Amino acid sequence: MNSLATIRRPGLQVRSWSYHILMVLVLGGQVLMRLLRGRVQRHRVMEQMMAAGPGALLPVVMINVLAGMIFTIQTAREMMRLGFLQALGGAFALGFCRELAPILSAAILAGQVGSAFAAEIGSMKITEQIDALKVLRTDPIDYLVVPRTVACCVMLPILTLMGLVLGVGGGVLLAQQLYQVEPSIFLDSVQAMLEPSDLLTVVIKSIIFGALIALSGCSWGLTTTSTKHLGQSATSAVVMTWIALFLVDLLITLLVFHGVQTNY
């Protein structure tokens, strides 16, 4: 019996999720092999970049600016209590720039683009359009999965860096208006605490997050069996992606920053 058809049975819930985790890994390997062989349809990648980028730009910017302001208020409260308000920018940089901006941007893209991938491909699967691609000797992985994965891996770092810069701008504005911390002092503190390697880590995280978003959405779409499961596939793709994002973020943080901490 198909795993998606039995997903509502409690005893098979774990098996279904395990199946999709395995499928994401398999799809990731297939996409990597095709990229190494240069099997990339550039026009399809451009189409998916337009779908993944501009549509998510406004939500990413708004969420990061608001999160930057909220994080500034919370950080300033503790810095004032400790008497280190002039170091507000540095404390802000450690939390917002390293962790909050990348994970927020990825979560927004997962909710907006990942769910759309699952619904779109699921609809194609139900209406037998994917079978039609096979009849026309077109590989569904080449045509559907690779362009979406590459597009997310390219667009998410761009969106994240834009959100990060504007989020810092929101923090600068609020620090000046509410706590009389001059922008130059705030930004000097950010520069002192944030190293170029941190920005490189943010970009690497975003590339990995983009791949997770695309692969999860595509895997749930490719395994959709009926219109009844179409909405469930889109929702499950987002939930699974969010869990994967935080898990991978934890692993990267342990790998990159835990070792640095123990050297002191």
Protein backbone atom coordinates (compact mmCIF):
# COMPACT_ATOMS: atom_id res chain seq x y z
CA MET A 1 0.00 0.00 0.00
CA ASN A 2 1.30 3.46 -0.84
CA SER A 3 2.87 5.25 2.14
CA LEU A 4 1.03 8.49 1.46
CA ALA A 5 -2.27 6.66 1.28
CA THR A 6 -1.65 5.31 4.79
CA ILE A 7 -0.16 8.44 6.30
CA ARG A 8 -3.13 8.94 8.60
CA ARG A 9 -2.51 5.67 10.39
CA PRO A 10 -0.47 6.40 13.55
CA GLY A 11 1.71 3.32 13.19
CA LEU A 12 2.84 4.37 9.73
CA GLN A 13 3.43 8.06 10.39
CA VAL A 14 7.13 7.58 11.20
CA ARG A 15 7.60 5.28 8.22
CA SER A 16 6.12 7.89 5.90
CA TRP A 17 8.40 10.63 7.21
CA SER A 18 11.37 8.27 7.09
CA TYR A 19 10.50 7.53 3.48
CA HIS A 20 10.48 11.22 2.57
CA ILE A 21 13.74 11.89 4.40
CA LEU A 22 15.31 9.06 2.40
CA MET A 23 13.77 10.43 -0.79
CA VAL A 24 15.23 13.89 -0.12
CA LEU A 25 18.67 12.31 0.23
CA VAL A 26 18.21 10.32 -2.97
CA LEU A 27 16.96 13.36 -4.88
CA GLY A 28 19.87 15.38 -3.54
CA GLY A 29 22.32 12.80 -4.84
CA GLN A 30 20.63 12.72 -8.24
CA VAL A 31 20.68 16.51 -8.50
CA LEU A 32 24.36 16.62 -7.50
CA MET A 33 25.30 14.04 -10.14
CA ARG A 34 23.46 16.00 -12.82
CA LEU A 35 25.15 19.23 -11.77
CA LEU A 36 28.58 17.58 -11.92
CA ARG A 37 27.73 16.37 -15.44
CA GLY A 38 26.51 19.82 -16.48
CA ARG A 39 22.94 18.66 -17.08
CA VAL A 40 21.30 21.97 -16.21
CA GLN A 41 18.53 23.57 -18.25
CA ARG A 42 19.49 27.20 -17.84
CA HIS A 43 16.25 28.65 -19.16
CA ARG A 44 14.31 26.54 -16.64
CA VAL A 45 16.62 27.71 -13.86
CA MET A 46 15.98 31.34 -14.81
CA GLU A 47 12.22 30.75 -14.75
CA GLN A 48 12.41 29.24 -11.26
CA MET A 49 14.72 32.01 -10.02
CA MET A 50 12.11 34.55 -11.02
CA ALA A 51 9.49 32.54 -9.16
CA ALA A 52 11.60 32.00 -6.04
CA GLY A 53 13.24 35.41 -5.76
CA PRO A 54 11.05 38.46 -6.44
CA GLY A 55 7.94 36.91 -4.90
CA ALA A 56 9.68 36.29 -1.58
CA LEU A 57 11.65 39.55 -1.48
CA LEU A 58 9.09 41.74 0.30
CA PRO A 59 8.24 39.19 3.04
CA VAL A 60 11.93 38.49 3.67
CA VAL A 61 12.76 42.19 3.94
CA MET A 62 9.80 43.00 6.17
CA ILE A 63 10.37 40.09 8.54
CA ASN A 64 14.10 40.79 8.85
CA VAL A 65 13.61 44.51 9.48
CA LEU A 66 10.99 43.86 12.15
CA ALA A 67 13.07 41.05 13.68
CA GLY A 68 16.10 43.35 13.72
CA MET A 69 14.15 45.99 15.61
CA ILE A 70 12.73 43.48 18.09
CA PHE A 71 16.15 41.93 18.64
CA THR A 72 17.65 45.39 19.20
CA ILE A 73 15.11 46.18 21.92
CA GLN A 74 15.65 42.87 23.69
CA THR A 75 19.43 43.14 23.46
CA ALA A 76 19.54 46.80 24.52
CA ARG A 77 17.59 46.00 27.67
CA GLU A 78 20.25 43.58 28.86
CA MET A 79 23.16 45.72 27.68
CA MET A 80 21.81 48.71 29.61
CA ARG A 81 21.48 46.58 32.74
CA LEU A 82 25.11 45.50 32.41
CA GLY A 83 26.33 48.99 31.49
CA PHE A 84 27.61 48.06 28.02
CA LEU A 85 25.12 49.87 25.81
CA GLN A 86 27.88 51.10 23.49
CA ALA A 87 28.56 47.47 22.56
CA LEU A 88 24.94 46.98 21.48
CA GLY A 89 25.87 46.56 17.82
CA GLY A 90 28.30 43.74 18.57
CA ALA A 91 25.80 41.80 20.64
CA PHE A 92 23.22 42.37 17.91
CA ALA A 93 25.61 41.07 15.26
CA LEU A 94 26.35 37.84 17.11
CA GLY A 95 22.71 36.81 17.36
CA PHE A 96 20.91 38.41 14.44
CA CYS A 97 23.50 38.23 11.68
CA ARG A 98 24.84 34.76 12.46
CA GLU A 99 21.60 32.96 13.22
CA LEU A 100 18.34 34.86 13.10
CA ALA A 101 18.52 36.39 9.60
CA PRO A 102 19.48 33.15 7.78
CA ILE A 103 16.88 30.98 9.51
CA LEU A 104 14.08 33.54 9.16
CA SER A 105 14.76 34.06 5.46
CA ALA A 106 14.86 30.32 4.84
CA ALA A 107 11.63 29.76 6.79
CA ILE A 108 9.84 32.37 4.70
CA LEU A 109 11.08 30.83 1.45
CA ALA A 110 10.01 27.38 2.69
CA GLY A 111 6.51 28.59 3.45
CA GLN A 112 6.08 30.47 0.21
CA VAL A 113 8.15 28.58 -2.37
CA GLY A 114 8.57 25.09 -0.88
CA SER A 115 4.84 24.63 -0.47
CA ALA A 116 4.27 25.93 -4.00
CA PHE A 117 6.75 23.37 -5.36
CA ALA A 118 4.94 20.55 -3.57
CA ALA A 119 1.52 21.71 -4.80
CA GLU A 120 2.64 22.36 -8.38
CA ILE A 121 4.51 19.09 -8.84
CA GLY A 122 1.81 17.20 -6.96
CA SER A 123 -0.79 18.58 -9.35
CA MET A 124 1.36 17.49 -12.29
CA LYS A 125 1.67 14.01 -10.78
CA ILE A 126 -2.09 13.68 -10.28
CA THR A 127 -2.91 14.84 -13.81
CA GLU A 128 -0.26 12.46 -15.24
CA GLN A 129 1.83 15.29 -16.70
CA ILE A 130 4.95 13.69 -15.23
CA ASP A 131 4.11 10.43 -17.01
CA ALA A 132 3.74 12.47 -20.19
CA LEU A 133 7.27 13.85 -19.68
CA LYS A 134 8.59 10.29 -19.50
CA VAL A 135 6.75 9.39 -22.70
CA LEU A 136 8.44 12.37 -24.38
CA ARG A 137 11.80 11.05 -23.08
CA THR A 138 12.21 14.00 -20.73
CA ASP A 139 13.72 13.19 -17.35
CA PRO A 140 11.43 14.64 -14.61
CA ILE A 141 14.47 15.18 -12.36
CA ASP A 142 16.19 17.24 -15.06
CA TYR A 143 13.03 19.16 -15.92
CA LEU A 144 11.45 19.68 -12.49
CA VAL A 145 13.86 19.10 -9.60
CA VAL A 146 17.25 20.37 -10.78
CA PRO A 147 16.05 23.85 -11.89
CA ARG A 148 14.13 24.40 -8.65
CA THR A 149 17.04 23.28 -6.52
CA VAL A 150 19.56 25.46 -8.32
CA ALA A 151 17.19 28.45 -8.24
CA CYS A 152 16.68 28.18 -4.47
CA CYS A 153 20.41 27.70 -3.85
CA VAL A 154 21.13 30.89 -5.83
CA MET A 155 18.27 33.10 -4.66
CA LEU A 156 18.19 32.32 -0.93
CA PRO A 157 21.73 33.65 -0.23
CA ILE A 158 20.83 36.84 -2.09
CA LEU A 159 17.57 37.24 -0.17
CA THR A 160 19.31 36.46 3.11
CA LEU A 161 22.06 39.04 2.60
CA MET A 162 19.51 41.68 1.62
CA GLY A 163 17.41 40.85 4.66
CA LEU A 164 20.51 40.91 6.87
CA VAL A 165 21.61 44.35 5.66
CA LEU A 166 18.15 45.85 6.02
CA GLY A 167 17.68 44.14 9.39
CA VAL A 168 20.88 45.77 10.61
CA GLY A 169 19.53 49.04 9.24
CA GLY A 170 16.37 48.59 11.30
CA GLY A 171 18.50 47.92 14.37
CA VAL A 172 20.60 51.03 13.73
CA LEU A 173 17.50 53.21 13.37
CA LEU A 174 15.88 51.93 16.54
CA ALA A 175 19.09 52.12 18.57
CA GLN A 176 19.48 55.77 17.61
CA GLN A 177 15.88 56.75 18.22
CA LEU A 178 15.26 54.90 21.48
CA TYR A 179 18.68 54.54 23.10
CA GLN A 180 20.70 57.41 21.57
CA VAL A 181 23.35 55.07 20.21
CA GLU A 182 24.91 56.77 17.20
CA PRO A 183 24.87 54.79 13.95
CA SER A 184 28.65 55.00 13.66
CA ILE A 185 29.11 53.48 17.13
CA PHE A 186 26.56 50.76 16.43
CA LEU A 187 28.12 49.83 13.08
CA ASP A 188 31.68 49.95 14.45
CA SER A 189 30.63 47.49 17.13
CA VAL A 190 29.03 45.26 14.49
CA GLN A 191 32.21 45.35 12.42
CA ALA A 192 34.36 44.54 15.44
CA MET A 193 32.36 41.43 16.32
CA LEU A 194 31.36 40.18 12.88
CA GLU A 195 34.18 38.60 10.89
CA PRO A 196 34.27 37.94 7.12
CA SER A 197 34.12 34.22 7.89
CA ASP A 198 30.73 34.81 9.54
CA LEU A 199 29.32 36.18 6.28
CA LEU A 200 30.78 33.21 4.42
CA THR A 201 29.07 30.90 6.89
CA VAL A 202 25.77 32.72 6.30
CA VAL A 203 26.11 32.20 2.54
CA ILE A 204 26.99 28.51 2.94
CA LYS A 205 24.05 28.03 5.30
CA SER A 206 21.72 29.70 2.83
CA ILE A 207 22.86 27.47 -0.03
CA ILE A 208 22.25 24.35 2.07
CA PHE A 209 18.91 25.72 3.28
CA GLY A 210 17.89 26.47 -0.31
CA ALA A 211 18.64 22.90 -1.36
CA LEU A 212 16.61 21.54 1.57
CA ILE A 213 13.62 23.73 0.68
CA ALA A 214 13.58 22.68 -2.97
CA LEU A 215 14.26 18.98 -2.39
CA SER A 216 11.64 18.67 0.34
CA GLY A 217 8.97 20.41 -1.73
CA CYS A 218 9.78 18.34 -4.81
CA SER A 219 9.84 15.03 -2.90
CA TRP A 220 6.39 15.59 -1.39
CA GLY A 221 5.05 16.71 -4.77
CA LEU A 222 6.41 13.66 -6.59
CA THR A 223 4.77 11.29 -4.09
CA THR A 224 1.33 12.91 -4.11
CA THR A 225 -1.24 10.31 -5.16
CA SER A 226 -4.58 12.14 -5.22
CA THR A 227 -6.20 15.55 -4.92
CA LYS A 228 -7.12 14.59 -1.35
CA HIS A 229 -3.44 14.53 -0.41
CA LEU A 230 -2.40 17.62 -2.41
CA GLY A 231 -2.91 20.13 0.41
CA GLN A 232 -1.46 17.69 2.93
CA SER A 233 1.66 17.31 0.81
CA ALA A 234 2.19 21.08 0.66
CA THR A 235 1.75 21.41 4.43
CA SER A 236 3.97 18.43 5.21
CA ALA A 237 6.68 19.79 2.93
CA VAL A 238 6.80 23.04 4.92
CA VAL A 239 6.78 21.29 8.32
CA MET A 240 9.49 18.84 7.29
CA THR A 241 11.59 21.65 5.83
CA TRP A 242 11.36 23.75 9.00
CA ILE A 243 12.48 20.81 11.14
CA ALA A 244 15.34 20.10 8.73
CA LEU A 245 16.38 23.77 8.69
CA PHE A 246 16.73 23.98 12.47
CA LEU A 247 18.47 20.60 12.68
CA VAL A 248 21.00 21.50 9.99
CA ASP A 249 21.47 24.95 11.53
CA LEU A 250 22.28 23.28 14.86
CA LEU A 251 24.81 20.97 13.22
CA ILE A 252 26.50 23.82 11.34
CA THR A 253 26.62 25.97 14.47
CA LEU A 254 28.21 23.15 16.47
CA LEU A 255 30.69 22.48 13.69
CA VAL A 256 31.71 26.10 13.06
CA PHE A 257 31.37 27.89 16.39
CA HIS A 258 31.78 25.22 19.07
CA GLY A 259 35.33 24.47 17.98
CA VAL A 260 36.18 28.17 17.93
CA GLN A 261 34.85 28.57 21.45
CA THR A 262 36.96 25.76 22.85
CA ASN A 263 40.18 27.29 21.52
CA TYR A 264 40.09 30.14 24.00
